[in-house]
Amino acid sequence: MPRHELIMPELGIESPTPTVSLWLVARGSEVVEGDAVLEVLAGVATIDLPAPATGVLIETLVVEGEPLRPGETLAVIESDADDS
């Protein structure tokens, strides 16, 4: 089964270090590509990060309140889709 990583994007804005605000989906839950999985707090802005694929959220690698770096893997989603 293919695995897809949810990666912290470069926000391109000047702000304090972004942090995990809230997980919107629990580990083991199904997600749909494009649906919000995680809220990130960047200064006064809250940004929703979408699922990169449809499947099951099998790993969350950061906790609420944890500072984030661009390019960091935040979660892993496993899908039934065939990549070929």
Protein backbone atom coordinates (compact mmCIF):
# COMPACT_ATOMS: atom_id res chain seq x y z
CA MET A 1 0.00 0.00 0.00
CA PRO A 2 1.38 3.41 -0.94
CA ARG A 3 2.31 5.83 1.83
CA HIS A 4 2.04 9.59 1.49
CA GLU A 5 3.73 12.10 3.77
CA LEU A 6 2.11 15.31 4.95
CA ILE A 7 5.00 17.79 4.76
CA MET A 8 5.22 21.18 6.48
CA PRO A 9 5.26 23.73 3.64
CA GLU A 10 7.35 26.88 3.46
CA LEU A 11 4.79 29.52 4.46
CA GLY A 12 6.62 32.40 2.80
CA ILE A 13 5.57 34.87 5.48
CA GLU A 14 7.46 36.54 8.29
CA SER A 15 6.07 35.16 11.53
CA PRO A 16 7.17 33.52 14.72
CA THR A 17 7.99 29.83 14.41
CA PRO A 18 4.81 28.00 13.36
CA THR A 19 3.43 25.44 15.81
CA VAL A 20 0.89 22.63 15.73
CA SER A 21 -2.38 24.19 16.84
CA LEU A 22 -4.78 21.24 16.55
CA TRP A 23 -5.01 17.84 14.91
CA LEU A 24 -8.37 17.75 13.12
CA VAL A 25 -8.16 14.02 12.34
CA ALA A 26 -7.21 11.26 14.78
CA ARG A 27 -4.68 8.57 13.95
CA GLY A 28 -6.47 5.58 12.41
CA SER A 29 -9.15 7.77 10.81
CA GLU A 30 -9.93 7.91 7.11
CA VAL A 31 -9.05 11.11 5.26
CA VAL A 32 -9.91 12.45 1.82
CA GLU A 33 -7.30 14.18 -0.34
CA GLY A 34 -7.59 17.94 0.12
CA ASP A 35 -9.49 17.79 3.42
CA ALA A 36 -7.93 19.61 6.39
CA VAL A 37 -5.95 17.29 8.67
CA LEU A 38 -4.03 19.71 10.88
CA GLU A 39 -4.16 23.35 11.99
CA VAL A 40 -0.88 25.26 12.19
CA LEU A 41 -0.57 28.51 14.13
CA ALA A 42 1.79 31.01 12.47
CA GLY A 43 1.77 34.26 14.43
CA VAL A 44 -1.87 35.33 14.51
CA ALA A 45 -2.88 33.24 11.47
CA THR A 46 -4.22 29.70 11.62
CA ILE A 47 -3.54 27.63 8.51
CA ASP A 48 -5.22 24.31 7.65
CA LEU A 49 -2.93 21.71 6.08
CA PRO A 50 -4.71 19.33 3.70
CA ALA A 51 -4.29 15.59 3.26
CA PRO A 52 -1.99 14.84 0.31
CA ALA A 53 -3.95 11.67 -0.53
CA THR A 54 -7.09 9.70 0.32
CA GLY A 55 -6.50 6.91 2.82
CA VAL A 56 -5.96 6.27 6.53
CA LEU A 57 -3.89 8.52 8.80
CA ILE A 58 -1.50 5.90 10.20
CA GLU A 59 1.10 8.12 11.90
CA THR A 60 1.20 11.56 13.48
CA LEU A 61 4.81 12.62 14.01
CA VAL A 62 4.33 15.93 15.85
CA VAL A 63 2.25 16.93 18.86
CA GLU A 64 0.09 19.97 19.55
CA GLY A 65 2.21 22.94 20.60
CA GLU A 66 5.36 21.60 18.92
CA PRO A 67 7.35 24.04 16.74
CA LEU A 68 7.57 23.11 13.05
CA ARG A 69 10.23 23.44 10.34
CA PRO A 70 9.59 23.69 6.58
CA GLY A 71 10.08 20.30 4.94
CA GLU A 72 9.39 18.38 8.16
CA THR A 73 7.17 15.29 7.86
CA LEU A 74 4.09 15.80 10.04
CA ALA A 75 2.05 12.67 9.33
CA VAL A 76 1.81 9.59 7.12
CA ILE A 77 -1.28 8.50 5.20
CA GLU A 78 -1.61 5.01 3.76
CA SER A 79 -3.86 4.55 0.75
CA ASP A 80 -5.33 1.61 -1.14
CA ALA A 81 -4.76 3.39 -4.45
CA ASP A 82 -2.33 1.82 -6.90
CA ASP A 83 0.40 4.29 -7.88
CA SER A 84 1.06 2.56 -11.19
